[in-house]
């Protein structure tokens, strides 16, 4: 198991790459969810405005 975690001596390069990729994917998911929520709120405001 330790040999796997050491990644053949390249662990100092491999694990930070995994961490950056995971952080980027989490940020992308959060920002997409946040933008979708804001867009839904804007749409709701536009459709439930004053009726003429």
Protein backbone atom coordinates (compact mmCIF):
# COMPACT_ATOMS: atom_id res chain seq x y z
CA UNK A 1 0.00 0.00 0.00
CA UNK A 2 2.82 2.41 0.82
CA UNK A 3 4.35 1.73 -2.59
CA UNK A 4 1.10 2.74 -4.25
CA UNK A 5 0.86 5.93 -2.17
CA UNK A 6 4.50 6.76 -3.00
CA UNK A 7 3.61 6.55 -6.72
CA UNK A 8 7.06 5.29 -7.64
CA UNK A 9 8.74 8.35 -6.17
CA UNK A 10 6.48 10.82 -7.95
CA UNK A 11 3.94 11.28 -5.14
CA UNK A 12 4.99 14.91 -4.62
CA UNK A 13 3.76 15.63 -8.16
CA UNK A 14 0.85 13.19 -8.49
CA UNK A 15 -1.13 13.83 -5.29
CA UNK A 16 -1.22 17.63 -5.64
CA UNK A 17 -2.52 17.15 -9.19
CA UNK A 18 -5.29 14.92 -7.85
CA UNK A 19 -6.07 17.54 -5.21
CA UNK A 20 -6.18 20.42 -7.70
CA UNK A 21 -8.40 18.41 -10.03
CA UNK A 22 -10.80 17.53 -7.20
CA UNK A 23 -10.87 21.16 -6.04
CA UNK A 24 -11.56 22.34 -9.59
CA UNK A 25 -14.40 19.89 -10.04
CA UNK A 26 -15.94 20.88 -6.70
CA UNK A 27 -15.68 24.57 -7.63
CA UNK A 28 -17.20 23.90 -11.06
CA UNK A 29 -20.13 22.02 -9.51
CA UNK A 30 -20.71 24.72 -6.90
CA UNK A 31 -20.51 27.60 -9.38
CA UNK A 32 -22.87 25.83 -11.81
CA UNK A 33 -25.37 25.21 -9.03
CA UNK A 34 -25.08 28.81 -7.84
CA UNK A 35 -25.56 30.27 -11.34
CA UNK A 36 -28.55 27.98 -11.98
CA UNK A 37 -30.13 29.11 -8.71
CA UNK A 38 -29.62 32.78 -9.58
CA UNK A 39 -31.01 32.25 -13.09
CA UNK A 40 -34.07 30.46 -11.70
CA UNK A 41 -34.68 33.32 -9.27
CA UNK A 42 -34.36 35.88 -12.08
CA UNK A 43 -36.76 33.89 -14.25
CA UNK A 44 -39.25 33.65 -11.40
CA UNK A 45 -39.02 37.42 -10.89
CA UNK A 46 -39.56 38.04 -14.60
CA UNK A 47 -42.56 35.72 -14.89
CA UNK A 48 -44.31 36.73 -11.67
CA UNK A 49 -44.05 40.46 -12.32
CA UNK A 50 -47.02 42.80 -12.64
CA UNK A 51 -49.65 41.51 -15.03
CA UNK A 52 -51.15 43.99 -17.49
